[in-house]
Amino acid sequence: MRRRLRVAVLAGGRSSEHEISLASARSVLDALDPDRYETTAIEIDRRGRWEIASGRQSLPEAKEETSVETLPVVSDSPPAAVLGQIDVVMPILHGPFGEDGTVQGLLELAGVPYVGAGVAASALCMDKDLFKAVLRDRGIPVAQNVTLREGDPLVHPFPYPVFVKPARLGSSVGMTKVHEEDELAAAVALARRHDDKVLIEEFVLGTEVECGVLGNRDPVASVVGEIVAHAEWYDYSAKYDEGGMDLVIPARISAEASEGVRRRAVESFVATECEGMARIDLFVRPDGDVVVNEINTIPGFTATSVYAKLFEASGIPYAELLDRLIELALERHERRAGLVY
């Protein structure tokens, strides 16, 4: 009988997206086929401490004070022992200290296969300033922005409204739609609570769409979905509150625009050297031009999240999507194992 693959699902984390990560991870654990996989859940609490739950039990509720170990860099710590006994890690972490290359670097040091983008791609896509610079260099259109560092004057060339956001955060946390100049200082101050690098970004008039990408060397794009927020813009509540938005699949755009979105999504995935999975957020202007907004290398991952819904509509149901991601992680690890460093 074929041995079951030992899969560790890594969840929680230190970022403000901790609870979203736990919800995604619980959904993944429920969907992994017990005949194929032996699962272990590892929760990282908000202080960066690790706690292990063996078997298929659900992840514990988030804790502030009771986790048991620091980061598993000491060989005799329990998390390190678990990592040494597994076949593949699924890091279902969002935001800093999980989606930004930090955990990916730890797993590279441990020599453990893992799902999703590598260190460089994760760090690049988390930093919206650097991400846009790379895409501009490759000729891929992105929303224009001004980057503010500490001490920079609060000036920009764009007409209002504009968006102000932390450079390295997700889920619209710390983000503000600024309608006039006297709102700008407060919006920048809010963003700087989360990051010392802040973006002021042009308002892009158009249809907000999302496209999933799956693969390593030959990635494929999902059908295109349209985001219809039940608020002025696609903020945190619209993303995560029940009834906060509608996902229209396929997007109500022309066939030509849809093909352009899918092409730009794959181009962005390749340009940033992503692997495994990513959700690409884009805009389609009224004239049909496609503008890339950002890449999420670990998108929300419940069965009802946008990424899963896009691939379900593309003919890949949730459980099969997880199977493919695990296969891609193992394929990359085997391919890179032959490199000489």
C-alpha atoms as a PDB file:
ATOM      1  CA  MET A   1       0.000   0.000   0.000  1.00  0.00           C
ATOM      2  CA  ARG A   2       1.314   3.448  -0.933  1.00  0.00           C
ATOM      3  CA  ARG A   3       2.435   5.521   2.069  1.00  0.00           C
ATOM      4  CA  ARG A   4       0.390   8.623   2.740  1.00  0.00           C
ATOM      5  CA  LEU A   5       2.176  11.923   2.196  1.00  0.00           C
ATOM      6  CA  ARG A   6       2.862  13.759   5.449  1.00  0.00           C
ATOM      7  CA  VAL A   7       1.581  17.322   5.040  1.00  0.00           C
ATOM      8  CA  ALA A   8       2.031  20.127   7.563  1.00  0.00           C
ATOM      9  CA  VAL A   9      -0.407  23.033   7.277  1.00  0.00           C
ATOM     10  CA  LEU A  10       1.179  26.170   8.690  1.00  0.00           C
ATOM     11  CA  ALA A  11      -1.271  28.864   9.817  1.00  0.00           C
ATOM     12  CA  GLY A  12      -1.877  31.923  11.951  1.00  0.00           C
ATOM     13  CA  GLY A  13       1.171  34.143  12.015  1.00  0.00           C
ATOM     14  CA  ARG A  14       2.123  37.493  13.475  1.00  0.00           C
ATOM     15  CA  SER A  15       0.335  39.733  10.989  1.00  0.00           C
ATOM     16  CA  SER A  16      -3.055  41.418  11.240  1.00  0.00           C
ATOM     17  CA  GLU A  17      -4.364  38.715   8.883  1.00  0.00           C
ATOM     18  CA  HIS A  18      -3.940  36.012  11.564  1.00  0.00           C
ATOM     19  CA  GLU A  19      -7.618  35.061  11.779  1.00  0.00           C
ATOM     20  CA  ILE A  20      -8.032  34.924   7.995  1.00  0.00           C
ATOM     21  CA  SER A  21      -5.105  32.523   7.848  1.00  0.00           C
ATOM     22  CA  LEU A  22      -6.646  30.231  10.470  1.00  0.00           C
ATOM     23  CA  ALA A  23      -9.943  30.104   8.571  1.00  0.00           C
ATOM     24  CA  SER A  24      -8.131  29.238   5.332  1.00  0.00           C
ATOM     25  CA  ALA A  25      -6.043  26.546   7.029  1.00  0.00           C
ATOM     26  CA  ARG A  26      -9.038  24.873   8.666  1.00  0.00           C
ATOM     27  CA  SER A  27     -10.695  24.656   5.260  1.00  0.00           C
ATOM     28  CA  VAL A  28      -7.546  23.110   3.745  1.00  0.00           C
ATOM     29  CA  LEU A  29      -7.271  20.532   6.530  1.00  0.00           C
ATOM     30  CA  ASP A  30     -10.905  19.527   6.062  1.00  0.00           C
ATOM     31  CA  ALA A  31     -10.447  19.115   2.300  1.00  0.00           C
ATOM     32  CA  LEU A  32      -7.197  17.106   2.203  1.00  0.00           C
ATOM     33  CA  ASP A  33      -8.020  13.469   1.424  1.00  0.00           C
ATOM     34  CA  PRO A  34      -7.211  11.360   4.547  1.00  0.00           C
ATOM     35  CA  ASP A  35      -6.535   8.347   2.321  1.00  0.00           C
ATOM     36  CA  ARG A  36      -3.710  10.247   0.609  1.00  0.00           C
ATOM     37  CA  TYR A  37      -2.413  12.572   3.319  1.00  0.00           C
ATOM     38  CA  GLU A  38      -1.376  12.402   6.938  1.00  0.00           C
ATOM     39  CA  THR A  39      -1.807  15.947   8.208  1.00  0.00           C
ATOM     40  CA  THR A  40      -0.277  18.031  10.964  1.00  0.00           C
ATOM     41  CA  ALA A  41      -1.511  21.518  11.843  1.00  0.00           C
ATOM     42  CA  ILE A  42       1.011  24.058  13.100  1.00  0.00           C
ATOM     43  CA  GLU A  43      -0.244  27.352  14.454  1.00  0.00           C
ATOM     44  CA  ILE A  44       2.015  30.389  14.764  1.00  0.00           C
ATOM     45  CA  ASP A  45       0.593  32.760  17.351  1.00  0.00           C
ATOM     46  CA  ARG A  46       0.761  36.538  17.196  1.00  0.00           C
ATOM     47  CA  ARG A  47       4.059  36.570  19.093  1.00  0.00           C
ATOM     48  CA  GLY A  48       5.681  34.182  16.611  1.00  0.00           C
ATOM     49  CA  ARG A  49       5.520  31.076  18.818  1.00  0.00           C
ATOM     50  CA  TRP A  50       4.683  27.711  17.279  1.00  0.00           C
ATOM     51  CA  GLU A  51       2.167  25.123  18.506  1.00  0.00           C
ATOM     52  CA  ILE A  52       1.621  21.699  16.962  1.00  0.00           C
ATOM     53  CA  ALA A  53      -1.659  19.799  16.655  1.00  0.00           C
ATOM     54  CA  SER A  54      -1.099  16.291  15.292  1.00  0.00           C
ATOM     55  CA  GLY A  55      -3.578  14.395  13.148  1.00  0.00           C
ATOM     56  CA  ARG A  56      -6.643  15.882  11.482  1.00  0.00           C
ATOM     57  CA  GLN A  57      -7.940  17.877  14.423  1.00  0.00           C
ATOM     58  CA  SER A  58      -8.913  21.453  13.692  1.00  0.00           C
ATOM     59  CA  LEU A  59      -6.502  24.239  14.415  1.00  0.00           C
ATOM     60  CA  PRO A  60      -6.991  25.669  17.900  1.00  0.00           C
ATOM     61  CA  GLU A  61      -8.541  29.058  18.323  1.00  0.00           C
ATOM     62  CA  ALA A  62      -6.030  31.895  18.174  1.00  0.00           C
ATOM     63  CA  LYS A  63      -4.074  32.381  21.390  1.00  0.00           C
ATOM     64  CA  GLU A  64      -2.124  35.354  22.653  1.00  0.00           C
ATOM     65  CA  GLU A  65      -0.093  33.828  25.478  1.00  0.00           C
ATOM     66  CA  THR A  66      -0.090  30.022  25.579  1.00  0.00           C
ATOM     67  CA  SER A  67       1.928  28.701  22.614  1.00  0.00           C
ATOM     68  CA  VAL A  68       4.830  26.456  23.363  1.00  0.00           C
ATOM     69  CA  GLU A  69       7.942  27.162  21.272  1.00  0.00           C
ATOM     70  CA  THR A  70       9.798  29.949  19.552  1.00  0.00           C
ATOM     71  CA  LEU A  71      10.716  29.790  15.876  1.00  0.00           C
ATOM     72  CA  PRO A  72      11.970  26.279  15.033  1.00  0.00           C
ATOM     73  CA  VAL A  73      15.597  27.104  14.353  1.00  0.00           C
ATOM     74  CA  VAL A  74      16.954  25.010  17.214  1.00  0.00           C
ATOM     75  CA  SER A  75      17.341  21.395  16.158  1.00  0.00           C
ATOM     76  CA  ASP A  76      15.844  19.856  19.292  1.00  0.00           C
ATOM     77  CA  SER A  77      12.731  22.050  19.416  1.00  0.00           C
ATOM     78  CA  PRO A  78       9.414  20.243  18.786  1.00  0.00           C
ATOM     79  CA  PRO A  79       8.518  22.227  15.606  1.00  0.00           C
ATOM     80  CA  ALA A  80      11.893  21.436  14.058  1.00  0.00           C
ATOM     81  CA  ALA A  81      11.397  17.768  14.852  1.00  0.00           C
ATOM     82  CA  VAL A  82       8.020  17.831  13.127  1.00  0.00           C
ATOM     83  CA  LEU A  83       9.409  19.621  10.042  1.00  0.00           C
ATOM     84  CA  GLY A  84      12.054  16.930   9.763  1.00  0.00           C
ATOM     85  CA  GLN A  85       9.386  14.231   9.616  1.00  0.00           C
ATOM     86  CA  ILE A  86       7.088  15.660   6.936  1.00  0.00           C
ATOM     87  CA  ASP A  87       7.047  15.509   3.152  1.00  0.00           C
ATOM     88  CA  VAL A  88       5.622  18.930   2.274  1.00  0.00           C
ATOM     89  CA  VAL A  89       4.516  22.116   4.029  1.00  0.00           C
ATOM     90  CA  MET A  90       1.512  24.192   3.032  1.00  0.00           C
ATOM     91  CA  PRO A  91       2.141  27.689   4.438  1.00  0.00           C
ATOM     92  CA  ILE A  92      -1.360  29.142   4.594  1.00  0.00           C
ATOM     93  CA  LEU A  93      -0.131  32.449   5.987  1.00  0.00           C
ATOM     94  CA  HIS A  94      -1.089  35.952   4.900  1.00  0.00           C
ATOM     95  CA  GLY A  95       0.838  39.198   5.160  1.00  0.00           C
ATOM     96  CA  PRO A  96       4.185  39.873   6.866  1.00  0.00           C
ATOM     97  CA  PHE A  97       6.064  37.012   8.570  1.00  0.00           C
ATOM     98  CA  GLY A  98       4.501  34.419   6.297  1.00  0.00           C
ATOM     99  CA  GLU A  99       3.717  35.635   2.794  1.00  0.00           C
ATOM    100  CA  ASP A 100       6.820  37.818   2.515  1.00  0.00           C
ATOM    101  CA  GLY A 101       9.582  35.236   2.141  1.00  0.00           C
ATOM    102  CA  THR A 102      10.433  34.864   5.836  1.00  0.00           C
ATOM    103  CA  VAL A 103       8.814  31.455   6.385  1.00  0.00           C
ATOM    104  CA  GLN A 104       9.848  30.377   2.897  1.00  0.00           C
ATOM    105  CA  GLY A 105      13.477  31.088   3.835  1.00  0.00           C
ATOM    106  CA  LEU A 106      13.120  28.988   6.976  1.00  0.00           C
ATOM    107  CA  LEU A 107      11.727  26.077   4.945  1.00  0.00           C
ATOM    108  CA  GLU A 108      14.541  26.421   2.409  1.00  0.00           C
ATOM    109  CA  LEU A 109      17.069  26.193   5.255  1.00  0.00           C
ATOM    110  CA  ALA A 110      15.275  23.119   6.569  1.00  0.00           C
ATOM    111  CA  GLY A 111      15.295  21.546   3.095  1.00  0.00           C
ATOM    112  CA  VAL A 112      11.545  20.901   3.187  1.00  0.00           C
ATOM    113  CA  PRO A 113       9.316  21.122   0.082  1.00  0.00           C
ATOM    114  CA  TYR A 114       6.618  23.788   0.409  1.00  0.00           C
ATOM    115  CA  VAL A 115       3.659  25.056  -1.559  1.00  0.00           C
ATOM    116  CA  GLY A 116       3.759  28.420  -3.291  1.00  0.00           C
ATOM    117  CA  ALA A 117       6.231  31.112  -4.263  1.00  0.00           C
ATOM    118  CA  GLY A 118       9.860  30.993  -3.189  1.00  0.00           C
ATOM    119  CA  VAL A 119      11.779  33.489  -1.069  1.00  0.00           C
ATOM    120  CA  ALA A 120      12.491  36.142  -3.697  1.00  0.00           C
ATOM    121  CA  ALA A 121       9.066  36.061  -5.347  1.00  0.00           C
ATOM    122  CA  SER A 122       7.285  36.153  -1.988  1.00  0.00           C
ATOM    123  CA  ALA A 123       9.296  39.147  -0.780  1.00  0.00           C
ATOM    124  CA  LEU A 124       8.948  40.970  -4.089  1.00  0.00           C
ATOM    125  CA  CYS A 125       5.183  40.556  -4.389  1.00  0.00           C
ATOM    126  CA  MET A 126       4.636  41.626  -0.786  1.00  0.00           C
ATOM    127  CA  ASP A 127       6.440  44.920  -1.459  1.00  0.00           C
ATOM    128  CA  LYS A 128       4.086  46.798  -3.792  1.00  0.00           C
ATOM    129  CA  ASP A 129       6.729  49.439  -4.538  1.00  0.00           C
ATOM    130  CA  LEU A 130       9.363  46.933  -5.743  1.00  0.00           C
ATOM    131  CA  PHE A 131       6.737  44.729  -7.394  1.00  0.00           C
ATOM    132  CA  LYS A 132       5.566  47.597  -9.583  1.00  0.00           C
ATOM    133  CA  ALA A 133       9.135  48.519 -10.489  1.00  0.00           C
ATOM    134  CA  VAL A 134       9.773  44.991 -11.790  1.00  0.00           C
ATOM    135  CA  LEU A 135       6.547  44.919 -13.806  1.00  0.00           C
ATOM    136  CA  ARG A 136       7.220  48.358 -15.289  1.00  0.00           C
ATOM    137  CA  ASP A 137      10.660  47.146 -16.361  1.00  0.00           C
ATOM    138  CA  ARG A 138       9.008  44.200 -18.131  1.00  0.00           C
ATOM    139  CA  GLY A 139       6.546  46.493 -19.918  1.00  0.00           C
ATOM    140  CA  ILE A 140       3.527  45.332 -17.905  1.00  0.00           C
ATOM    141  CA  PRO A 141       1.145  48.230 -17.081  1.00  0.00           C
ATOM    142  CA  VAL A 142       0.549  48.935 -13.384  1.00  0.00           C
ATOM    143  CA  ALA A 143      -1.323  51.622 -11.465  1.00  0.00           C
ATOM    144  CA  GLN A 144       0.887  54.690 -11.044  1.00  0.00           C
ATOM    145  CA  ASN A 145       2.078  55.585  -7.576  1.00  0.00           C
ATOM    146  CA  VAL A 146       4.360  57.731  -5.459  1.00  0.00           C
ATOM    147  CA  THR A 147       6.342  56.026  -2.704  1.00  0.00           C
ATOM    148  CA  LEU A 148       6.825  57.882   0.584  1.00  0.00           C
ATOM    149  CA  ARG A 149       9.542  57.043   3.058  1.00  0.00           C
ATOM    150  CA  GLU A 150       9.954  58.580   6.501  1.00  0.00           C
ATOM    151  CA  GLY A 151      10.470  62.335   6.217  1.00  0.00           C
ATOM    152  CA  ASP A 152       9.248  62.625   2.611  1.00  0.00           C
ATOM    153  CA  PRO A 153       6.783  65.457   1.873  1.00  0.00           C
ATOM    154  CA  LEU A 154       3.152  64.425   1.319  1.00  0.00           C
ATOM    155  CA  VAL A 155       2.977  65.360  -2.348  1.00  0.00           C
ATOM    156  CA  HIS A 156       1.818  63.509  -5.441  1.00  0.00           C
ATOM    157  CA  PRO A 157       0.787  64.358  -9.025  1.00  0.00           C
ATOM    158  CA  PHE A 158      -2.570  62.545  -9.117  1.00  0.00           C
ATOM    159  CA  PRO A 159      -6.097  63.979  -9.125  1.00  0.00           C
ATOM    160  CA  TYR A 160      -8.326  62.988  -6.213  1.00  0.00           C
ATOM    161  CA  PRO A 161      -9.470  60.472  -5.188  1.00  0.00           C
ATOM    162  CA  VAL A 162      -6.275  58.520  -4.518  1.00  0.00           C
ATOM    163  CA  PHE A 163      -5.494  55.433  -2.466  1.00  0.00           C
ATOM    164  CA  VAL A 164      -2.990  55.447   0.389  1.00  0.00           C
ATOM    165  CA  LYS A 165      -1.662  52.084   1.547  1.00  0.00           C
ATOM    166  CA  PRO A 166       1.224  50.436   3.418  1.00  0.00           C
ATOM    167  CA  ALA A 167       3.769  49.112   0.937  1.00  0.00           C
ATOM    168  CA  ARG A 168       4.019  45.656   2.549  1.00  0.00           C
ATOM    169  CA  LEU A 169       0.658  44.510   3.848  1.00  0.00           C
ATOM    170  CA  GLY A 170      -2.454  42.845   2.472  1.00  0.00           C
ATOM    171  CA  SER A 171      -6.231  42.601   2.796  1.00  0.00           C
ATOM    172  CA  SER A 172      -6.548  46.401   2.530  1.00  0.00           C
ATOM    173  CA  VAL A 173      -5.365  46.766   6.152  1.00  0.00           C
ATOM    174  CA  GLY A 174      -4.194  50.345   6.774  1.00  0.00           C
ATOM    175  CA  MET A 175      -5.528  51.459   3.397  1.00  0.00           C
ATOM    176  CA  THR A 176      -7.648  54.572   2.790  1.00  0.00           C
ATOM    177  CA  LYS A 177      -9.461  56.051  -0.169  1.00  0.00           C
ATOM    178  CA  VAL A 178      -8.623  59.753   0.056  1.00  0.00           C
ATOM    179  CA  HIS A 179     -11.157  62.075  -1.546  1.00  0.00           C
ATOM    180  CA  GLU A 180      -9.440  65.441  -1.013  1.00  0.00           C
ATOM    181  CA  GLU A 181      -6.143  66.877   0.125  1.00  0.00           C
ATOM    182  CA  ASP A 182      -7.107  67.573   3.739  1.00  0.00           C
ATOM    183  CA  GLU A 183      -7.639  63.820   4.293  1.00  0.00           C
ATOM    184  CA  LEU A 184      -4.173  62.888   3.067  1.00  0.00           C
ATOM    185  CA  ALA A 185      -2.102  63.382   6.222  1.00  0.00           C
ATOM    186  CA  ALA A 186      -4.397  61.202   8.354  1.00  0.00           C
ATOM    187  CA  ALA A 187      -4.396  58.470   5.709  1.00  0.00           C
ATOM    188  CA  VAL A 188      -0.594  58.449   5.528  1.00  0.00           C
ATOM    189  CA  ALA A 189      -0.363  58.370   9.335  1.00  0.00           C
ATOM    190  CA  LEU A 190      -2.686  55.317   9.399  1.00  0.00           C
ATOM    191  CA  ALA A 191      -0.626  53.527   6.756  1.00  0.00           C
ATOM    192  CA  ARG A 192       2.580  54.298   8.672  1.00  0.00           C
ATOM    193  CA  ARG A 193       1.229  52.464  11.695  1.00  0.00           C
ATOM    194  CA  HIS A 194       1.729  49.311   9.613  1.00  0.00           C
ATOM    195  CA  ASP A 195       4.787  50.131   7.470  1.00  0.00           C
ATOM    196  CA  ASP A 196       7.420  52.857   7.243  1.00  0.00           C
ATOM    197  CA  LYS A 197       7.077  52.801   3.450  1.00  0.00           C
ATOM    198  CA  VAL A 198       3.761  54.107   2.110  1.00  0.00           C
ATOM    199  CA  LEU A 199       2.243  54.290  -1.370  1.00  0.00           C
ATOM    200  CA  ILE A 200       0.001  57.026  -2.746  1.00  0.00           C
ATOM    201  CA  GLU A 201      -1.636  55.436  -5.751  1.00  0.00           C
ATOM    202  CA  GLU A 202      -3.723  56.789  -8.596  1.00  0.00           C
ATOM    203  CA  PHE A 203      -7.414  55.919  -8.745  1.00  0.00           C
ATOM    204  CA  VAL A 204      -7.954  53.582 -11.686  1.00  0.00           C
ATOM    205  CA  LEU A 205     -11.366  53.933 -13.270  1.00  0.00           C
ATOM    206  CA  GLY A 206     -12.487  50.558 -14.535  1.00  0.00           C
ATOM    207  CA  THR A 207     -13.759  47.095 -13.698  1.00  0.00           C
ATOM    208  CA  GLU A 208     -11.949  45.369 -10.838  1.00  0.00           C
ATOM    209  CA  VAL A 209     -11.150  41.772 -11.767  1.00  0.00           C
ATOM    210  CA  GLU A 210      -9.156  38.862 -10.383  1.00  0.00           C
ATOM    211  CA  CYS A 211      -7.482  35.918 -12.048  1.00  0.00           C
ATOM    212  CA  GLY A 212      -5.872  32.839 -10.504  1.00  0.00           C
ATOM    213  CA  VAL A 213      -2.624  31.350 -11.789  1.00  0.00           C
ATOM    214  CA  LEU A 214      -1.486  27.773 -11.150  1.00  0.00           C
ATOM    215  CA  GLY A 215       1.782  26.095 -12.098  1.00  0.00           C
ATOM    216  CA  ASN A 216       5.558  26.208 -12.025  1.00  0.00           C
ATOM    217  CA  ARG A 217       7.329  26.294 -15.391  1.00  0.00           C
ATOM    218  CA  ASP A 218       4.158  26.327 -17.515  1.00  0.00           C
ATOM    219  CA  PRO A 219       1.532  28.233 -15.478  1.00  0.00           C
ATOM    220  CA  VAL A 220      -2.108  28.438 -16.487  1.00  0.00           C
ATOM    221  CA  ALA A 221      -4.662  31.156 -15.782  1.00  0.00           C
ATOM    222  CA  SER A 222      -8.164  30.617 -14.453  1.00  0.00           C
ATOM    223  CA  VAL A 223     -11.304  32.197 -15.831  1.00  0.00           C
ATOM    224  CA  VAL A 224     -11.617  35.860 -14.903  1.00  0.00           C
ATOM    225  CA  GLY A 225     -13.840  36.968 -12.032  1.00  0.00           C
ATOM    226  CA  GLU A 226     -15.297  40.421 -11.433  1.00  0.00           C
ATOM    227  CA  ILE A 227     -15.358  41.985  -7.977  1.00  0.00           C
ATOM    228  CA  VAL A 228     -18.507  43.915  -7.086  1.00  0.00           C
ATOM    229  CA  ALA A 229     -17.965  45.471  -3.649  1.00  0.00           C
ATOM    230  CA  HIS A 230     -21.006  46.470  -1.599  1.00  0.00           C
ATOM    231  CA  ALA A 231     -19.133  49.531  -0.419  1.00  0.00           C
ATOM    232  CA  GLU A 232     -17.381  52.473  -2.031  1.00  0.00           C
ATOM    233  CA  TRP A 233     -14.295  50.343  -2.622  1.00  0.00           C
ATOM    234  CA  TYR A 234     -12.970  46.835  -2.015  1.00  0.00           C
ATOM    235  CA  ASP A 235     -11.909  47.308   1.615  1.00  0.00           C
ATOM    236  CA  TYR A 236     -11.329  44.774   4.407  1.00  0.00           C
ATOM    237  CA  SER A 237     -15.044  44.466   5.237  1.00  0.00           C
ATOM    238  CA  ALA A 238     -15.979  43.993   1.588  1.00  0.00           C
ATOM    239  CA  LYS A 239     -13.383  41.212   1.325  1.00  0.00           C
ATOM    240  CA  TYR A 240     -14.220  39.258   4.469  1.00  0.00           C
ATOM    241  CA  ASP A 241     -17.634  40.157   5.853  1.00  0.00           C
ATOM    242  CA  GLU A 242     -20.494  37.963   4.711  1.00  0.00           C
ATOM    243  CA  GLY A 243     -22.281  39.727   1.876  1.00  0.00           C
ATOM    244  CA  GLY A 244     -19.479  42.293   1.549  1.00  0.00           C
ATOM    245  CA  MET A 245     -19.024  41.668  -2.156  1.00  0.00           C
ATOM    246  CA  ASP A 246     -20.200  39.608  -5.098  1.00  0.00           C
ATOM    247  CA  LEU A 247     -17.864  37.612  -7.307  1.00  0.00           C
ATOM    248  CA  VAL A 248     -19.234  37.491 -10.840  1.00  0.00           C
ATOM    249  CA  ILE A 249     -17.823  34.589 -12.884  1.00  0.00           C
ATOM    250  CA  PRO A 250     -17.123  35.071 -15.701  1.00  0.00           C
ATOM    251  CA  ALA A 251     -16.410  38.783 -15.449  1.00  0.00           C
ATOM    252  CA  ARG A 252     -18.722  41.046 -17.437  1.00  0.00           C
ATOM    253  CA  ILE A 253     -16.028  42.166 -19.841  1.00  0.00           C
ATOM    254  CA  SER A 254     -15.412  41.474 -23.505  1.00  0.00           C
ATOM    255  CA  ALA A 255     -13.812  38.234 -24.640  1.00  0.00           C
ATOM    256  CA  GLU A 256     -10.836  40.264 -25.866  1.00  0.00           C
ATOM    257  CA  ALA A 257     -10.438  41.981 -22.475  1.00  0.00           C
ATOM    258  CA  SER A 258     -10.787  38.653 -20.661  1.00  0.00           C
ATOM    259  CA  GLU A 259      -7.997  37.153 -22.751  1.00  0.00           C
ATOM    260  CA  GLY A 260      -5.908  40.234 -22.038  1.00  0.00           C
ATOM    261  CA  VAL A 261      -6.435  39.797 -18.288  1.00  0.00           C
ATOM    262  CA  ARG A 262      -5.431  36.149 -18.409  1.00  0.00           C
ATOM    263  CA  ARG A 263      -2.350  36.965 -20.475  1.00  0.00           C
ATOM    264  CA  ARG A 264      -1.301  39.787 -18.111  1.00  0.00           C
ATOM    265  CA  ALA A 265      -1.855  37.523 -15.118  1.00  0.00           C
ATOM    266  CA  VAL A 266       0.506  34.870 -16.449  1.00  0.00           C
ATOM    267  CA  GLU A 267       3.035  37.481 -17.589  1.00  0.00           C
ATOM    268  CA  SER A 268       3.064  38.989 -14.086  1.00  0.00           C
ATOM    269  CA  PHE A 269       3.408  35.559 -12.487  1.00  0.00           C
ATOM    270  CA  VAL A 270       6.407  34.743 -14.679  1.00  0.00           C
ATOM    271  CA  ALA A 271       8.020  38.200 -14.381  1.00  0.00           C
ATOM    272  CA  THR A 272       8.053  37.974 -10.576  1.00  0.00           C
ATOM    273  CA  GLU A 273       9.243  34.323 -10.657  1.00  0.00           C
ATOM    274  CA  CYS A 274       6.212  33.038  -8.785  1.00  0.00           C
ATOM    275  CA  GLU A 275       5.592  29.307  -8.595  1.00  0.00           C
ATOM    276  CA  GLY A 276       2.719  27.151  -7.421  1.00  0.00           C
ATOM    277  CA  MET A 277      -0.095  29.630  -7.055  1.00  0.00           C
ATOM    278  CA  ALA A 278      -1.025  33.295  -7.043  1.00  0.00           C
ATOM    279  CA  ARG A 279      -4.100  35.453  -7.370  1.00  0.00           C
ATOM    280  CA  ILE A 280      -3.584  38.467  -9.602  1.00  0.00           C
ATOM    281  CA  ASP A 281      -5.681  41.595  -8.986  1.00  0.00           C
ATOM    282  CA  LEU A 282      -6.208  43.795 -12.055  1.00  0.00           C
ATOM    283  CA  PHE A 283      -8.356  46.557 -13.538  1.00  0.00           C
ATOM    284  CA  VAL A 284      -9.895  46.725 -16.990  1.00  0.00           C
ATOM    285  CA  ARG A 285     -10.230  50.352 -18.096  1.00  0.00           C
ATOM    286  CA  PRO A 286     -13.282  51.440 -20.142  1.00  0.00           C
ATOM    287  CA  ASP A 287     -11.139  51.334 -23.315  1.00  0.00           C
ATOM    288  CA  GLY A 288     -10.218  47.686 -22.606  1.00  0.00           C
ATOM    289  CA  ASP A 289      -6.662  48.305 -21.422  1.00  0.00           C
ATOM    290  CA  VAL A 290      -5.585  45.988 -18.582  1.00  0.00           C
ATOM    291  CA  VAL A 291      -3.704  47.316 -15.547  1.00  0.00           C
ATOM    292  CA  VAL A 292      -2.131  45.038 -12.924  1.00  0.00           C
ATOM    293  CA  ASN A 293      -2.753  46.063  -9.316  1.00  0.00           C
ATOM    294  CA  GLU A 294      -0.969  43.424  -7.211  1.00  0.00           C
ATOM    295  CA  ILE A 295      -0.125  39.736  -6.789  1.00  0.00           C
ATOM    296  CA  ASN A 296      -1.158  37.682  -3.768  1.00  0.00           C
ATOM    297  CA  THR A 297       1.199  34.723  -3.479  1.00  0.00           C
ATOM    298  CA  ILE A 298      -0.870  33.089  -0.702  1.00  0.00           C
ATOM    299  CA  PRO A 299      -4.442  34.155  -1.388  1.00  0.00           C
ATOM    300  CA  GLY A 300      -7.348  33.437   0.917  1.00  0.00           C
ATOM    301  CA  PHE A 301      -7.833  29.690   0.719  1.00  0.00           C
ATOM    302  CA  THR A 302     -11.220  28.574   1.960  1.00  0.00           C
ATOM    303  CA  ALA A 303     -13.390  26.624  -0.465  1.00  0.00           C
ATOM    304  CA  THR A 304     -15.411  29.826  -1.004  1.00  0.00           C
ATOM    305  CA  SER A 305     -12.416  32.153  -1.441  1.00  0.00           C
ATOM    306  CA  VAL A 306     -11.933  33.896  -4.771  1.00  0.00           C
ATOM    307  CA  TYR A 307      -8.928  31.798  -5.844  1.00  0.00           C
ATOM    308  CA  ALA A 308     -10.727  28.511  -5.226  1.00  0.00           C
ATOM    309  CA  LYS A 309     -13.918  29.717  -6.895  1.00  0.00           C
ATOM    310  CA  LEU A 310     -12.039  30.871  -9.990  1.00  0.00           C
ATOM    311  CA  PHE A 311     -10.426  27.476 -10.471  1.00  0.00           C
ATOM    312  CA  GLU A 312     -13.622  25.614  -9.664  1.00  0.00           C
ATOM    313  CA  ALA A 313     -15.220  27.573 -12.512  1.00  0.00           C
ATOM    314  CA  SER A 314     -12.225  26.564 -14.633  1.00  0.00           C
ATOM    315  CA  GLY A 315     -12.878  22.867 -13.999  1.00  0.00           C
ATOM    316  CA  ILE A 316     -10.535  22.247 -11.058  1.00  0.00           C
ATOM    317  CA  PRO A 317     -12.479  21.615  -7.818  1.00  0.00           C
ATOM    318  CA  TYR A 318     -11.042  22.557  -4.432  1.00  0.00           C
ATOM    319  CA  ALA A 319      -9.683  19.157  -3.372  1.00  0.00           C
ATOM    320  CA  GLU A 320      -8.023  18.638  -6.765  1.00  0.00           C
ATOM    321  CA  LEU A 321      -6.541  22.130  -6.573  1.00  0.00           C
ATOM    322  CA  LEU A 322      -4.872  21.196  -3.275  1.00  0.00           C
ATOM    323  CA  ASP A 323      -3.553  17.964  -4.827  1.00  0.00           C
ATOM    324  CA  ARG A 324      -2.027  19.905  -7.709  1.00  0.00           C
ATOM    325  CA  LEU A 325      -0.377  22.435  -5.413  1.00  0.00           C
ATOM    326  CA  ILE A 326       1.242  19.675  -3.386  1.00  0.00           C
ATOM    327  CA  GLU A 327       2.465  17.993  -6.588  1.00  0.00           C
ATOM    328  CA  LEU A 328       3.924  21.305  -7.778  1.00  0.00           C
ATOM    329  CA  ALA A 329       5.752  21.775  -4.471  1.00  0.00           C
ATOM    330  CA  LEU A 330       7.300  18.307  -4.714  1.00  0.00           C
ATOM    331  CA  GLU A 331       8.202  18.822  -8.390  1.00  0.00           C
ATOM    332  CA  ARG A 332      10.029  22.080  -7.653  1.00  0.00           C
ATOM    333  CA  HIS A 333      11.885  20.582  -4.692  1.00  0.00           C
ATOM    334  CA  GLU A 334      13.036  17.605  -6.782  1.00  0.00           C
ATOM    335  CA  ARG A 335      14.086  19.882  -9.651  1.00  0.00           C
ATOM    336  CA  ARG A 336      16.127  22.154  -7.392  1.00  0.00           C
ATOM    337  CA  ALA A 337      17.645  19.276  -5.411  1.00  0.00           C
ATOM    338  CA  GLY A 338      20.077  18.638  -8.258  1.00  0.00           C
ATOM    339  CA  LEU A 339      21.537  22.153  -8.204  1.00  0.00           C
ATOM    340  CA  VAL A 340      25.107  22.656  -6.965  1.00  0.00           C
ATOM    341  CA  TYR A 341      25.475  25.555  -4.502  1.00  0.00           C
END
